[in-house]
Amino acid sequence: MNILSNLKKTVHKRSKRLGRGVGSGAGAKSGRGTTRHQAARGDIPIHFEGGQNRLVKKFPLIRGRGRNKPSSIRPVLISLDMLNKFKEKSIIDIEALIKEKIITERQKRFGVKVLANGKIDKALTVALPVSDKAKNIIEKAGGKVQ
């Protein structure tokens, strides 16, 4: 029984030795894909334009224009049609809207405003900010706005 023939074969590919002369098969351009010069050497930044000024540098500085504006948080807008899901004489606030899955927990922090899109046919008590037109429609249906 020969022990050497029973050994597992190990597969270890040696790394290619680049740039060791033309006779080695990996000389001259050294497997860099391109012919020579800059592209064959290292990494070139994407914005590099061969020594010419890059595109970003060609535009004037915008300074504070549009940058320093405070980001205003706008409320989630809800139409009157969505309030028809609720039962007669129920109180509608943010928690009730979350239970009915009209808004999400995340949207709660932006606030809610009811707009006069659509019709309402139930007397509801709305404890949310409401547009003037929506307030008139809710009150005509027999409801209240707090």
Protein backbone atom coordinates (compact mmCIF):
# COMPACT_ATOMS: atom_id res chain seq x y z
CA MET A 1 0.00 0.00 0.00
CA ASN A 2 1.52 3.25 -1.18
CA ILE A 3 0.78 6.14 1.20
CA LEU A 4 1.72 8.91 -1.29
CA SER A 5 -0.91 7.80 -3.81
CA ASN A 6 -3.65 7.96 -1.17
CA LEU A 7 -3.03 11.62 -0.32
CA LYS A 8 -5.62 14.17 -1.36
CA LYS A 9 -4.67 16.35 -4.29
CA THR A 10 -4.16 19.98 -3.28
CA VAL A 11 -5.08 22.58 -5.84
CA HIS A 12 -3.07 25.73 -5.32
CA LYS A 13 -2.74 28.01 -8.29
CA ARG A 14 0.33 30.19 -8.11
CA SER A 15 -0.23 33.90 -8.67
CA LYS A 16 0.93 35.24 -12.00
CA ARG A 17 4.28 37.05 -11.76
CA LEU A 18 3.77 40.12 -13.84
CA GLY A 19 6.35 42.36 -15.41
CA ARG A 20 9.28 39.91 -15.43
CA GLY A 21 10.34 40.28 -19.05
CA VAL A 22 8.82 39.56 -22.44
CA GLY A 23 9.96 35.92 -22.39
CA SER A 24 7.89 35.11 -19.28
CA GLY A 25 4.61 35.62 -21.16
CA ALA A 26 3.49 38.26 -18.67
CA GLY A 27 5.89 41.04 -19.50
CA ALA A 28 5.66 44.14 -21.72
CA LYS A 29 2.17 45.39 -20.85
CA SER A 30 2.07 43.06 -17.82
CA GLY A 31 -1.53 41.90 -18.17
CA ARG A 32 -2.96 45.36 -17.51
CA GLY A 33 -5.51 45.16 -20.30
CA THR A 34 -4.82 48.54 -21.81
CA THR A 35 -1.71 49.31 -23.77
CA ARG A 36 0.37 51.65 -21.66
CA HIS A 37 0.53 54.99 -19.93
CA GLN A 38 -1.86 56.30 -17.29
CA ALA A 39 -4.72 53.83 -17.70
CA ALA A 40 -2.32 50.93 -17.26
CA ARG A 41 -0.90 52.19 -13.98
CA GLY A 42 -3.17 52.97 -11.03
CA ASP A 43 -6.73 54.03 -10.35
CA ILE A 44 -7.88 57.22 -12.01
CA PRO A 45 -10.72 59.14 -10.31
CA ILE A 46 -14.03 59.18 -12.19
CA HIS A 47 -14.07 62.97 -12.37
CA PHE A 48 -10.54 63.16 -13.83
CA GLU A 49 -10.47 64.77 -17.26
CA GLY A 50 -6.83 64.42 -18.21
CA GLY A 51 -5.49 67.49 -16.44
CA GLN A 52 -8.37 69.70 -17.54
CA ASN A 53 -10.46 71.18 -14.73
CA ARG A 54 -13.14 68.74 -13.64
CA LEU A 55 -16.79 69.48 -14.36
CA VAL A 56 -17.63 70.44 -10.77
CA LYS A 57 -15.01 73.17 -10.80
CA LYS A 58 -16.51 74.78 -13.91
CA PHE A 59 -19.71 75.89 -12.17
CA PRO A 60 -19.93 79.01 -10.01
CA LEU A 61 -20.28 78.64 -6.26
CA ILE A 62 -23.92 78.62 -5.27
CA ARG A 63 -23.21 79.94 -1.75
CA GLY A 64 -26.29 79.92 0.49
CA ARG A 65 -28.95 79.85 -2.20
CA GLY A 66 -31.44 77.13 -1.33
CA ARG A 67 -29.07 75.43 1.08
CA ASN A 68 -29.95 77.07 4.35
CA LYS A 69 -33.70 76.92 4.09
CA PRO A 70 -35.33 75.28 7.10
CA SER A 71 -37.11 72.08 6.15
CA SER A 72 -40.76 72.65 6.97
CA ILE A 73 -42.65 69.61 8.16
CA ARG A 74 -45.96 69.44 6.34
CA PRO A 75 -48.97 67.59 7.77
CA VAL A 76 -50.42 64.43 6.23
CA LEU A 77 -53.50 65.38 4.18
CA ILE A 78 -56.67 63.32 4.54
CA SER A 79 -59.85 63.61 2.49
CA LEU A 80 -63.38 63.48 3.92
CA ASP A 81 -64.04 60.23 2.05
CA MET A 82 -61.59 58.45 4.35
CA LEU A 83 -63.64 59.44 7.42
CA ASN A 84 -66.65 57.47 6.16
CA LYS A 85 -65.02 54.31 7.58
CA PHE A 86 -65.88 55.44 11.12
CA LYS A 87 -69.15 54.72 12.93
CA GLU A 88 -71.80 57.38 13.53
CA LYS A 89 -70.97 59.89 16.33
CA SER A 90 -67.43 58.62 16.88
CA ILE A 91 -64.59 60.96 17.87
CA ILE A 92 -61.83 61.17 15.27
CA ASP A 93 -58.32 61.99 16.42
CA ILE A 94 -54.84 60.81 15.41
CA GLU A 95 -55.07 57.61 17.49
CA ALA A 96 -58.37 56.67 15.81
CA LEU A 97 -56.81 57.20 12.37
CA ILE A 98 -53.91 54.89 13.29
CA LYS A 99 -56.34 52.18 14.49
CA GLU A 100 -58.24 52.35 11.19
CA LYS A 101 -54.87 52.26 9.34
CA ILE A 102 -55.54 55.51 7.53
CA ILE A 103 -52.16 56.85 8.68
CA THR A 104 -49.08 55.09 10.10
CA GLU A 105 -47.30 55.56 13.43
CA ARG A 106 -44.50 57.35 11.60
CA GLN A 107 -46.83 59.86 9.99
CA LYS A 108 -48.23 60.73 13.41
CA ARG A 109 -45.34 63.11 14.18
CA PHE A 110 -46.04 65.24 11.09
CA GLY A 111 -49.64 65.91 12.14
CA VAL A 112 -52.83 65.51 10.14
CA LYS A 113 -55.13 67.92 8.30
CA VAL A 114 -58.55 67.07 6.91
CA LEU A 115 -59.36 68.49 3.47
CA ALA A 116 -62.74 68.80 1.74
CA ASN A 117 -62.15 66.16 -0.93
CA GLY A 118 -65.23 64.02 -1.29
CA LYS A 119 -68.43 63.78 0.78
CA ILE A 120 -69.28 62.69 4.30
CA ASP A 121 -72.67 61.26 5.28
CA LYS A 122 -72.22 60.67 9.01
CA ALA A 123 -72.29 62.92 12.07
CA LEU A 124 -68.72 62.74 13.38
CA THR A 125 -66.72 64.69 15.96
CA VAL A 126 -63.40 65.64 14.41
CA ALA A 127 -60.59 66.61 16.82
CA LEU A 128 -58.05 67.49 14.11
CA PRO A 129 -57.05 70.58 12.12
CA VAL A 130 -59.62 71.00 9.36
CA SER A 131 -59.87 73.26 6.30
CA ASP A 132 -62.71 75.82 6.27
CA LYS A 133 -64.57 74.07 3.48
CA ALA A 134 -64.27 70.69 5.23
CA LYS A 135 -65.56 72.25 8.47
CA ASN A 136 -68.72 73.44 6.68
CA ILE A 137 -69.33 70.00 5.14
CA ILE A 138 -68.85 68.20 8.51
CA GLU A 139 -71.22 70.58 10.28
CA LYS A 140 -73.87 70.24 7.53
CA ALA A 141 -73.71 66.45 8.01
CA GLY A 142 -74.51 67.01 11.72
CA GLY A 143 -71.00 66.63 13.08
CA LYS A 144 -68.70 68.86 15.14
CA VAL A 145 -65.18 70.20 14.78
CA GLN A 146 -63.18 70.68 17.99
